[in-house]
Amino acid sequence: MRPERGAETLRIIGDSGRDALAELRRLLAVIGANDTARSDAPLARSRAWPT
């Protein structure tokens, strides 16, 4: 195995994660700007989630 490839792979994964998070924040900002629902409203529960 080549450690230099592992380091490069981890850098790419980190960059991709940061890019995805930034995009998600932009999308949530758009949704939040147009959302008329209260931000303190309870979240819907899924049957798949433990209670």
Protein backbone atom coordinates (compact mmCIF):
# COMPACT_ATOMS: atom_id res chain seq x y z
CA MET A 1 0.00 0.00 0.00
CA ARG A 2 1.11 3.54 -0.64
CA PRO A 3 0.54 6.00 2.22
CA GLU A 4 0.74 9.00 -0.10
CA ARG A 5 -2.31 7.75 -2.01
CA GLY A 6 -4.20 7.29 1.24
CA ALA A 7 -3.46 10.85 2.31
CA GLU A 8 -4.60 12.18 -1.07
CA THR A 9 -7.77 10.07 -0.91
CA LEU A 10 -8.60 11.40 2.56
CA ARG A 11 -8.04 14.96 1.35
CA ILE A 12 -10.43 14.40 -1.55
CA ILE A 13 -13.04 12.86 0.76
CA GLY A 14 -12.72 15.81 3.15
CA ASP A 15 -13.03 18.33 0.33
CA SER A 16 -16.09 16.53 -1.04
CA GLY A 17 -17.72 16.48 2.38
CA ARG A 18 -17.11 20.19 2.92
CA ASP A 19 -18.49 21.00 -0.54
CA ALA A 20 -21.61 18.89 0.12
CA LEU A 21 -22.16 20.54 3.50
CA ALA A 22 -21.81 24.02 1.98
CA GLU A 23 -24.34 23.12 -0.73
CA LEU A 24 -26.76 21.74 1.87
CA ARG A 25 -26.47 24.93 3.91
CA ARG A 26 -27.24 27.01 0.81
CA LEU A 27 -30.30 24.88 0.07
CA LEU A 28 -31.53 25.08 3.64
CA ALA A 29 -31.07 28.86 3.60
CA VAL A 30 -33.30 29.07 0.51
CA ILE A 31 -35.92 26.82 2.08
CA GLY A 32 -35.73 28.74 5.36
CA ALA A 33 -36.14 32.08 3.60
CA ASN A 34 -39.39 30.90 2.00
CA ASP A 35 -40.66 28.77 4.89
CA THR A 36 -43.75 30.05 6.65
CA ALA A 37 -43.72 27.23 9.21
CA ARG A 38 -42.51 27.99 12.70
CA SER A 39 -38.93 26.99 13.34
CA ASP A 40 -39.84 25.67 16.79
CA ALA A 41 -42.49 23.31 15.44
CA PRO A 42 -41.91 19.67 16.42
CA LEU A 43 -40.29 17.37 13.90
CA ALA A 44 -42.26 14.50 12.42
CA ARG A 45 -41.49 11.11 13.92
CA SER A 46 -40.72 8.07 11.85
CA ARG A 47 -41.75 4.59 12.96
CA ALA A 48 -38.23 3.50 12.07
CA TRP A 49 -36.74 5.79 14.75
CA PRO A 50 -36.52 4.47 18.29
CA THR A 51 -38.55 6.39 20.85
